[in-house]
Amino acid sequence: MMAILAIFILIILMILGVPIVWSFAAVLAYLTFVFDSNLTTLLLQGFRSLNSVILLALPLFIFAGYLMQVGGIASRLVNFIEVLVTGRKGGLGASMIFTSSIFGAISGTSTAAVAAIGTIMIDPLAKRGYPRGYSSALLGISSLLGILIPPSVTLILFGVVTRQSITALFAATLGPALLLIIGLVIFNRLSIGRTFNETSPPDVSANKNLLKKNFLSAMPALSMPLIILGGIYGGIFTPTEAAAVAVLVAIIVGFFFYKELTLFKLKESIIASAETTGTIILILLFSFMIGRILVSERVPQELSDFIISLIQNKIMILIIINLVLIAAGAIMDDVSVTVVLAPLFMPLMIKIGIDPVHYASIVACSVVIGANSPPVAPILYMACKIGKVSIHEAILPALSLIAFVAIPVMLVTTFIPELSLFIPRILGFM
């Protein structure tokens, strides 16, 4: 009961606007006092948990994401995909979805995709007849492809806190990511003429010279996901080494190919990525310490036994877990959901026969929904800020995208395990 109250304290503090790090610190202080834990021992255990080679991938992928924003990589991706598909009905909206998916396959973070892709594409979409509220909602959902498409910072965190293979987790979410991309493209295509009218797009795809020019310009950017993912799945380097390669390639491409990366921008990227990493590492430290307390008090096991004593039906348990994860994601950020709630339900998932790798896909899909759901909806708010539109204009389109695309994808992911487990098995990661 005390542990459940701790989660409520965390949620209330976040709703009140207390910074996430200090919300975690307050919960840690509460649990330490209630269970009379030794803070010195907890600190030592927390720092020991942070001493992980895998965690080195975290700041490196974040740094690569910032470098891509300022180094011209994102704009080249947008230009190429726009020329490729914009001559078709709904092509411009589809280009934002495809660009977000490719960008996610390089940066691993949704916030980087929102900032980089949104600033480039929202205005052109508005000129083509797309309502800003709809465009912002579509940006919010598609930017979360960075969580599903490897390399993903969220999956790295999940792997660290649950001690699962990062490479297997990266492969597990490819199926759900592909489903989400297809669903978003179809929804966008069907929305034209029903919820808004798109002005006739120019058939720029017929201009072979322009297509060739944009393809050649985007080649260095397009090569990045091939190098990173090919290296990981080909066994050439580990996810941590892949993160270092991503940084190196982003610097080379930004400085020498596109020549938009300057020493000042490099310095700003280092500072921004250090601030972001520092916040996440502090959250991880506090979450590891909180986790130690909860495990020592057998909270996850007792929660598992309690739910099973009430509900014996596996399908009902999975639906309840889905609802809890979505509700938590609507209030908490993706890092909090991943490092606090995901490990809490892990024993329950194992007890009812859910593979931890499959569970990671369920958690990732829930984050996509929660991050765009009121009342907090952090990614949707950010997308609206970039789209220069009120959140009220984006709520209805966002809920429609969630109801008709994101939730069906989550349900398919939850109840068809092979969607998540097939690729890791084929690649020999399981």
Protein backbone atom coordinates (compact mmCIF):
# COMPACT_ATOMS: atom_id res chain seq x y z
CA MET A 1 0.00 0.00 0.00
CA MET A 2 2.86 2.36 0.85
CA ALA A 3 4.48 1.68 -2.54
CA ILE A 4 1.22 2.38 -4.40
CA LEU A 5 0.94 5.64 -2.46
CA ALA A 6 4.48 6.49 -3.60
CA ILE A 7 3.39 6.22 -7.25
CA PHE A 8 0.44 8.52 -6.54
CA ILE A 9 2.82 11.01 -4.92
CA LEU A 10 4.98 10.91 -8.05
CA ILE A 11 1.98 11.50 -10.32
CA ILE A 12 0.60 14.34 -8.18
CA LEU A 13 3.98 16.11 -8.06
CA MET A 14 4.28 15.89 -11.85
CA ILE A 15 0.77 17.27 -12.33
CA LEU A 16 1.65 20.15 -10.01
CA GLY A 17 4.61 20.96 -12.25
CA VAL A 18 7.44 19.80 -10.01
CA PRO A 19 10.48 18.90 -12.19
CA ILE A 20 10.63 15.18 -12.88
CA VAL A 21 14.00 14.71 -11.20
CA TRP A 22 12.85 16.26 -7.94
CA SER A 23 9.56 14.36 -8.08
CA PHE A 24 11.61 11.15 -8.08
CA ALA A 25 13.78 12.49 -5.27
CA ALA A 26 10.68 13.22 -3.17
CA VAL A 27 9.35 9.68 -3.73
CA LEU A 28 12.75 8.24 -2.79
CA ALA A 29 12.78 10.32 0.41
CA TYR A 30 9.26 9.12 1.26
CA LEU A 31 10.07 5.43 0.70
CA THR A 32 13.36 5.70 2.59
CA PHE A 33 11.52 7.15 5.57
CA VAL A 34 8.56 4.73 5.47
CA PHE A 35 10.65 1.56 5.10
CA ASP A 36 13.56 2.85 7.22
CA SER A 37 16.09 2.09 4.47
CA ASN A 38 19.82 2.80 4.67
CA LEU A 39 20.38 5.72 2.29
CA THR A 40 24.16 5.15 2.09
CA THR A 41 23.69 1.55 0.98
CA LEU A 42 21.04 2.61 -1.53
CA LEU A 43 23.39 5.23 -3.02
CA LEU A 44 26.18 2.69 -3.42
CA GLN A 45 23.80 0.23 -5.08
CA GLY A 46 22.41 2.98 -7.32
CA PHE A 47 25.85 4.10 -8.50
CA ARG A 48 26.83 0.47 -9.08
CA SER A 49 23.79 0.04 -11.33
CA LEU A 50 24.78 3.15 -13.31
CA ASN A 51 28.25 1.70 -13.90
CA SER A 52 27.16 0.09 -17.17
CA VAL A 53 28.78 0.07 -20.60
CA ILE A 54 25.31 -0.16 -22.16
CA LEU A 55 24.34 3.16 -20.58
CA LEU A 56 27.14 4.86 -22.54
CA ALA A 57 24.89 4.51 -25.58
CA LEU A 58 22.38 6.86 -23.95
CA PRO A 59 24.36 10.17 -24.04
CA LEU A 60 25.89 9.26 -27.40
CA PHE A 61 22.56 8.70 -29.17
CA ILE A 62 21.17 11.87 -27.56
CA PHE A 63 24.23 13.79 -28.78
CA ALA A 64 23.81 12.32 -32.29
CA GLY A 65 20.18 13.48 -32.28
CA TYR A 66 21.15 17.07 -31.48
CA LEU A 67 23.89 17.02 -34.13
CA MET A 68 21.36 15.88 -36.73
CA GLN A 69 19.07 18.78 -35.89
CA VAL A 70 21.72 21.43 -36.49
CA GLY A 71 23.86 19.67 -39.11
CA GLY A 72 21.39 19.74 -42.01
CA ILE A 73 20.66 16.01 -41.94
CA ALA A 74 16.97 16.37 -41.07
CA SER A 75 16.29 18.95 -43.80
CA ARG A 76 17.91 16.75 -46.48
CA LEU A 77 15.77 13.80 -45.43
CA VAL A 78 12.63 15.93 -45.60
CA ASN A 79 13.51 17.34 -49.04
CA PHE A 80 14.20 13.92 -50.55
CA ILE A 81 11.11 12.17 -49.18
CA GLU A 82 8.92 15.17 -50.03
CA VAL A 83 9.98 15.03 -53.69
CA LEU A 84 9.53 11.26 -53.65
CA VAL A 85 5.91 11.17 -52.44
CA THR A 86 4.46 14.68 -52.47
CA GLY A 87 3.07 14.40 -56.01
CA ARG A 88 0.43 12.00 -54.71
CA LYS A 89 -2.69 12.71 -52.70
CA GLY A 90 -1.72 12.89 -49.03
CA GLY A 91 1.94 12.68 -50.02
CA LEU A 92 3.12 15.63 -47.96
CA GLY A 93 1.60 14.21 -44.78
CA ALA A 94 3.08 10.82 -45.62
CA SER A 95 6.47 12.41 -46.14
CA MET A 96 6.40 13.71 -42.55
CA ILE A 97 5.60 10.19 -41.32
CA PHE A 98 8.37 8.56 -43.38
CA THR A 99 10.90 11.24 -42.44
CA SER A 100 10.09 10.82 -38.76
CA SER A 101 10.62 7.07 -39.07
CA ILE A 102 14.02 7.48 -40.74
CA PHE A 103 15.00 10.21 -38.29
CA GLY A 104 13.99 7.92 -35.42
CA ALA A 105 16.20 5.20 -36.87
CA ILE A 106 19.16 7.53 -36.39
CA SER A 107 18.50 9.70 -33.33
CA GLY A 108 16.48 7.33 -31.14
CA THR A 109 14.51 10.12 -29.47
CA SER A 110 11.04 11.51 -30.13
CA THR A 111 11.80 15.04 -28.91
CA ALA A 112 14.58 15.37 -31.49
CA ALA A 113 12.16 14.28 -34.24
CA VAL A 114 9.48 16.76 -33.12
CA ALA A 115 11.95 19.65 -33.08
CA ALA A 116 13.80 18.77 -36.27
CA ILE A 117 10.94 17.59 -38.50
CA GLY A 118 8.22 19.88 -37.13
CA THR A 119 10.10 23.13 -37.73
CA ILE A 120 10.65 22.12 -41.36
CA MET A 121 7.28 20.60 -42.29
CA ILE A 122 4.41 22.25 -40.37
CA ASP A 123 4.38 25.45 -42.47
CA PRO A 124 4.47 23.64 -45.87
CA LEU A 125 1.65 21.39 -44.66
CA ALA A 126 -0.40 24.46 -43.68
CA LYS A 127 0.13 25.99 -47.13
CA ARG A 128 -1.10 22.75 -48.70
CA GLY A 129 -4.36 22.93 -46.73
CA TYR A 130 -3.54 20.76 -43.71
CA PRO A 131 -5.01 22.27 -40.50
CA ARG A 132 -2.24 23.11 -38.04
CA GLY A 133 -4.01 21.19 -35.28
CA TYR A 134 -4.12 18.06 -37.42
CA SER A 135 -0.50 18.48 -38.58
CA SER A 136 0.68 18.91 -34.99
CA ALA A 137 -1.21 15.79 -33.89
CA LEU A 138 0.23 13.79 -36.80
CA LEU A 139 3.71 15.08 -35.92
CA GLY A 140 3.22 14.08 -32.28
CA ILE A 141 2.26 10.50 -33.14
CA SER A 142 4.79 9.96 -35.94
CA SER A 143 7.67 11.40 -33.89
CA LEU A 144 7.13 8.54 -31.41
CA LEU A 145 8.33 6.17 -34.14
CA GLY A 146 11.74 7.06 -32.72
CA ILE A 147 10.78 4.96 -29.68
CA LEU A 148 9.79 1.93 -31.76
CA ILE A 149 12.44 2.09 -34.46
CA PRO A 150 15.95 1.23 -33.24
CA PRO A 151 18.13 2.60 -31.88
CA SER A 152 15.70 3.78 -29.19
CA VAL A 153 16.66 5.55 -25.96
CA THR A 154 13.47 4.23 -24.33
CA LEU A 155 14.38 0.62 -25.20
CA ILE A 156 17.92 1.15 -23.92
CA LEU A 157 16.48 2.29 -20.59
CA PHE A 158 14.07 -0.67 -20.54
CA GLY A 159 16.93 -3.07 -21.21
CA VAL A 160 19.06 -1.56 -18.45
CA VAL A 161 16.39 -1.58 -15.72
CA THR A 162 15.06 -5.06 -16.63
CA ARG A 163 18.43 -6.60 -17.65
CA GLN A 164 17.32 -7.64 -21.13
CA SER A 165 19.32 -7.79 -24.35
CA ILE A 166 19.27 -4.35 -25.99
CA THR A 167 19.76 -5.86 -29.43
CA ALA A 168 16.78 -8.19 -28.97
CA LEU A 169 14.63 -5.25 -27.82
CA PHE A 170 15.67 -3.22 -30.86
CA ALA A 171 14.53 -6.05 -33.16
CA ALA A 172 11.28 -6.65 -31.25
CA THR A 173 9.69 -3.27 -32.01
CA LEU A 174 10.33 -3.29 -35.76
CA GLY A 175 7.03 -5.09 -36.47
CA PRO A 176 4.88 -2.69 -34.41
CA ALA A 177 6.74 0.26 -35.95
CA LEU A 178 5.95 -0.91 -39.48
CA LEU A 179 2.28 -1.39 -38.55
CA LEU A 180 2.13 2.11 -37.06
CA ILE A 181 3.68 3.66 -40.17
CA ILE A 182 1.17 1.90 -42.46
CA GLY A 183 -1.73 2.89 -40.21
CA LEU A 184 -0.71 6.55 -40.09
CA VAL A 185 -0.26 6.76 -43.86
CA ILE A 186 -3.70 5.19 -44.49
CA PHE A 187 -5.37 7.42 -41.88
CA ASN A 188 -3.77 10.53 -43.41
CA ARG A 189 -4.87 9.50 -46.90
CA LEU A 190 -8.47 8.88 -45.79
CA SER A 191 -8.64 12.17 -43.86
CA ILE A 192 -8.19 14.22 -47.02
CA GLY A 193 -11.60 15.20 -48.32
CA ARG A 194 -13.29 14.15 -45.09
CA THR A 195 -11.81 16.34 -42.36
CA PHE A 196 -9.94 18.80 -44.58
CA ASN A 197 -9.20 19.51 -48.24
CA GLU A 198 -5.70 19.35 -49.64
CA THR A 199 -4.75 21.69 -52.48
CA SER A 200 -3.65 19.89 -55.62
CA PRO A 201 -0.02 18.89 -55.16
CA PRO A 202 2.47 19.56 -57.95
CA ASP A 203 3.71 16.40 -59.62
CA VAL A 204 7.32 17.03 -58.69
CA SER A 205 8.00 13.30 -58.75
CA ALA A 206 7.89 13.56 -62.53
CA ASN A 207 10.90 15.87 -62.38
CA LYS A 208 13.63 13.23 -62.51
CA ASN A 209 16.40 15.81 -62.25
CA LEU A 210 14.99 17.23 -59.01
CA LEU A 211 14.47 13.74 -57.61
CA LYS A 212 18.03 12.76 -58.50
CA LYS A 213 19.41 15.97 -57.02
CA ASN A 214 17.58 15.50 -53.72
CA PHE A 215 18.52 11.82 -53.57
CA LEU A 216 22.21 12.58 -54.02
CA SER A 217 21.97 15.34 -51.40
CA ALA A 218 20.26 12.98 -48.95
CA MET A 219 22.65 10.05 -49.54
CA PRO A 220 24.92 10.81 -46.54
CA ALA A 221 21.85 11.17 -44.29
CA LEU A 222 20.22 8.00 -45.67
CA SER A 223 23.42 6.06 -45.12
CA MET A 224 23.33 6.67 -41.35
CA PRO A 225 20.53 4.22 -40.43
CA LEU A 226 22.09 1.64 -42.76
CA ILE A 227 25.46 1.99 -41.05
CA ILE A 228 24.02 1.97 -37.52
CA LEU A 229 21.43 -0.80 -37.87
CA GLY A 230 23.50 -2.83 -40.31
CA GLY A 231 26.42 -2.72 -37.90
CA ILE A 232 24.30 -3.78 -34.91
CA TYR A 233 22.42 -6.63 -36.60
CA GLY A 234 25.45 -7.67 -38.62
CA GLY A 235 27.40 -8.21 -35.43
CA ILE A 236 30.01 -5.61 -36.41
CA PHE A 237 29.53 -3.53 -33.27
CA THR A 238 27.44 -3.35 -30.12
CA PRO A 239 24.64 -0.78 -29.54
CA THR A 240 27.09 1.31 -27.50
CA GLU A 241 29.66 1.24 -30.28
CA ALA A 242 26.87 2.01 -32.76
CA ALA A 243 26.03 5.15 -30.75
CA ALA A 244 29.67 6.28 -31.00
CA VAL A 245 29.62 5.62 -34.75
CA ALA A 246 26.37 7.64 -35.06
CA VAL A 247 28.06 10.63 -33.41
CA LEU A 248 31.14 10.32 -35.61
CA VAL A 249 29.10 10.03 -38.81
CA ALA A 250 26.83 12.94 -37.79
CA ILE A 251 29.90 15.16 -37.20
CA ILE A 252 31.53 14.18 -40.50
CA VAL A 253 28.32 14.64 -42.49
CA GLY A 254 27.47 17.94 -40.77
CA PHE A 255 30.95 19.44 -41.13
CA PHE A 256 32.21 18.14 -44.46
CA PHE A 257 29.20 17.11 -46.58
CA TYR A 258 26.46 19.60 -45.69
CA LYS A 259 28.78 22.17 -44.07
CA GLU A 260 25.99 23.39 -41.76
CA LEU A 261 27.61 22.18 -38.55
CA THR A 262 29.84 24.84 -37.03
CA LEU A 263 32.00 24.86 -33.91
CA PHE A 264 29.39 27.04 -32.17
CA LYS A 265 26.57 24.61 -33.07
CA LEU A 266 28.76 21.70 -31.96
CA LYS A 267 29.32 23.42 -28.61
CA GLU A 268 25.58 24.09 -28.20
CA SER A 269 24.79 20.47 -29.05
CA ILE A 270 27.27 19.22 -26.46
CA ILE A 271 25.72 21.45 -23.78
CA ALA A 272 22.13 20.50 -24.69
CA SER A 273 22.89 16.76 -24.80
CA ALA A 274 24.78 16.98 -21.49
CA GLU A 275 21.79 18.67 -19.83
CA THR A 276 19.37 16.07 -21.21
CA THR A 277 21.64 13.18 -20.26
CA GLY A 278 22.21 14.59 -16.78
CA THR A 279 18.48 14.73 -16.14
CA ILE A 280 17.92 11.16 -17.36
CA ILE A 281 20.87 9.79 -15.37
CA LEU A 282 19.58 11.42 -12.18
CA ILE A 283 16.13 9.93 -12.82
CA LEU A 284 17.78 6.55 -13.39
CA LEU A 285 19.80 6.83 -10.17
CA PHE A 286 16.69 7.64 -8.12
CA SER A 287 14.67 4.94 -9.91
CA PHE A 288 17.35 2.30 -9.21
CA MET A 289 17.28 3.26 -5.53
CA ILE A 290 13.47 3.22 -5.47
CA GLY A 291 13.53 -0.14 -7.23
CA ARG A 292 15.88 -1.56 -4.59
CA ILE A 293 13.47 -0.56 -1.85
CA LEU A 294 10.47 -2.00 -3.68
CA VAL A 295 12.25 -5.29 -4.42
CA SER A 296 13.46 -5.65 -0.83
CA GLU A 297 9.87 -5.16 0.33
CA ARG A 298 8.61 -7.64 -2.30
CA VAL A 299 6.25 -5.05 -3.79
CA PRO A 300 6.37 -6.33 -7.42
CA GLN A 301 5.73 -9.91 -6.30
CA GLU A 302 2.90 -8.90 -3.98
CA LEU A 303 1.35 -6.75 -6.73
CA SER A 304 1.58 -9.71 -9.11
CA ASP A 305 -0.05 -12.08 -6.61
CA PHE A 306 -2.77 -9.55 -5.81
CA ILE A 307 -3.78 -9.01 -9.46
CA ILE A 308 -3.75 -12.75 -10.20
CA SER A 309 -5.88 -13.42 -7.10
CA LEU A 310 -8.50 -11.01 -8.49
CA ILE A 311 -8.27 -11.90 -12.18
CA GLN A 312 -7.28 -15.29 -13.54
CA ASN A 313 -7.99 -14.47 -17.19
CA LYS A 314 -4.76 -13.71 -19.05
CA ILE A 315 -6.50 -11.56 -21.66
CA MET A 316 -8.15 -9.39 -18.99
CA ILE A 317 -4.82 -8.97 -17.18
CA LEU A 318 -3.14 -7.81 -20.40
CA ILE A 319 -5.96 -5.34 -21.11
CA ILE A 320 -5.67 -3.94 -17.58
CA ILE A 321 -1.89 -3.61 -17.91
CA ASN A 322 -2.39 -1.82 -21.23
CA LEU A 323 -4.83 0.62 -19.65
CA VAL A 324 -2.54 1.26 -16.67
CA LEU A 325 0.47 1.91 -18.93
CA ILE A 326 -1.53 4.26 -21.19
CA ALA A 327 -2.97 6.14 -18.19
CA ALA A 328 0.50 6.45 -16.67
CA GLY A 329 1.93 7.62 -19.98
CA ALA A 330 -0.73 10.32 -20.17
CA ILE A 331 0.56 11.75 -16.88
CA MET A 332 4.22 10.74 -16.75
CA ASP A 333 6.95 11.04 -19.38
CA ASP A 334 8.31 8.02 -21.27
CA VAL A 335 11.41 7.77 -19.06
CA SER A 336 9.29 7.59 -15.88
CA VAL A 337 6.97 4.94 -17.32
CA THR A 338 9.92 2.88 -18.52
CA VAL A 339 12.06 2.96 -15.38
CA VAL A 340 9.29 2.87 -12.73
CA LEU A 341 6.15 1.09 -13.95
CA ALA A 342 7.68 -1.32 -16.47
CA PRO A 343 9.88 -3.15 -13.91
CA LEU A 344 7.01 -3.11 -11.40
CA PHE A 345 4.84 -5.25 -13.69
CA MET A 346 7.65 -7.49 -14.98
CA PRO A 347 7.08 -10.34 -12.45
CA LEU A 348 3.37 -10.35 -13.33
CA MET A 349 4.15 -10.57 -17.05
CA ILE A 350 6.54 -13.46 -16.54
CA LYS A 351 4.05 -15.25 -14.28
CA ILE A 352 1.31 -15.18 -16.95
CA GLY A 353 3.73 -16.32 -19.64
CA ILE A 354 4.62 -13.06 -21.41
CA ASP A 355 8.18 -12.94 -22.73
CA PRO A 356 10.11 -9.88 -21.41
CA VAL A 357 11.07 -8.95 -24.99
CA HIS A 358 7.39 -9.03 -26.01
CA TYR A 359 6.57 -6.96 -22.91
CA ALA A 360 9.06 -4.31 -24.04
CA SER A 361 7.06 -3.86 -27.27
CA ILE A 362 3.86 -3.46 -25.26
CA VAL A 363 5.48 -0.79 -23.08
CA ALA A 364 6.86 1.05 -26.12
CA CYS A 365 3.43 1.11 -27.80
CA SER A 366 1.82 2.40 -24.61
CA VAL A 367 4.32 5.27 -24.47
CA VAL A 368 3.34 6.28 -28.04
CA ILE A 369 -0.28 6.58 -26.90
CA GLY A 370 0.32 8.11 -23.49
CA ALA A 371 2.73 10.80 -24.68
CA ASN A 372 -0.03 12.20 -26.92
CA SER A 373 -2.94 11.80 -24.47
CA PRO A 374 -4.30 14.49 -22.11
CA PRO A 375 -3.85 15.76 -19.46
CA VAL A 376 -0.04 16.03 -19.73
CA ALA A 377 0.64 14.79 -23.31
CA PRO A 378 4.26 16.07 -23.34
CA ILE A 379 5.01 15.27 -26.98
CA LEU A 380 1.68 16.66 -28.24
CA TYR A 381 2.23 19.91 -26.32
CA MET A 382 5.70 20.21 -27.82
CA ALA A 383 4.33 19.54 -31.32
CA CYS A 384 1.67 22.22 -30.82
CA LYS A 385 4.29 24.70 -29.68
CA ILE A 386 6.32 24.07 -32.82
CA GLY A 387 3.17 24.08 -34.96
CA LYS A 388 2.12 27.44 -33.45
CA VAL A 389 -1.33 26.19 -32.59
CA SER A 390 -3.47 25.81 -29.47
CA ILE A 391 -3.54 22.38 -27.85
CA HIS A 392 -7.36 22.51 -28.09
CA GLU A 393 -7.16 22.41 -31.89
CA ALA A 394 -4.93 19.32 -31.81
CA ILE A 395 -6.77 17.27 -29.17
CA LEU A 396 -9.52 15.89 -31.44
CA PRO A 397 -7.16 14.90 -34.29
CA ALA A 398 -4.76 13.37 -31.75
CA LEU A 399 -7.52 11.32 -30.12
CA SER A 400 -8.68 10.16 -33.57
CA LEU A 401 -5.16 9.04 -34.47
CA ILE A 402 -4.86 7.26 -31.13
CA ALA A 403 -8.26 5.55 -31.40
CA PHE A 404 -8.02 4.42 -35.03
CA VAL A 405 -4.27 3.79 -35.40
CA ALA A 406 -2.19 3.68 -32.20
CA ILE A 407 -4.55 1.63 -29.99
CA PRO A 408 -5.21 -1.03 -32.69
CA VAL A 409 -1.44 -1.35 -33.18
CA MET A 410 -0.97 -1.76 -29.43
CA LEU A 411 -3.70 -4.41 -29.23
CA VAL A 412 -2.23 -6.36 -32.16
CA THR A 413 1.21 -6.12 -30.53
CA THR A 414 -0.20 -7.31 -27.20
CA PHE A 415 -2.21 -10.28 -28.44
CA ILE A 416 -0.01 -11.45 -31.32
CA PRO A 417 3.37 -12.08 -29.64
CA GLU A 418 5.02 -13.27 -32.86
CA LEU A 419 4.81 -9.73 -34.24
CA SER A 420 7.45 -8.80 -31.67
CA LEU A 421 9.29 -12.09 -31.28
CA PHE A 422 9.60 -13.22 -34.91
CA ILE A 423 12.45 -10.90 -35.94
CA PRO A 424 14.58 -11.41 -32.78
CA ARG A 425 14.26 -15.17 -33.26
CA ILE A 426 15.17 -15.03 -36.95
CA LEU A 427 18.26 -12.91 -36.12
CA GLY A 428 19.23 -15.30 -33.33
CA PHE A 429 18.84 -12.85 -30.43
CA MET A 430 16.49 -15.15 -28.49
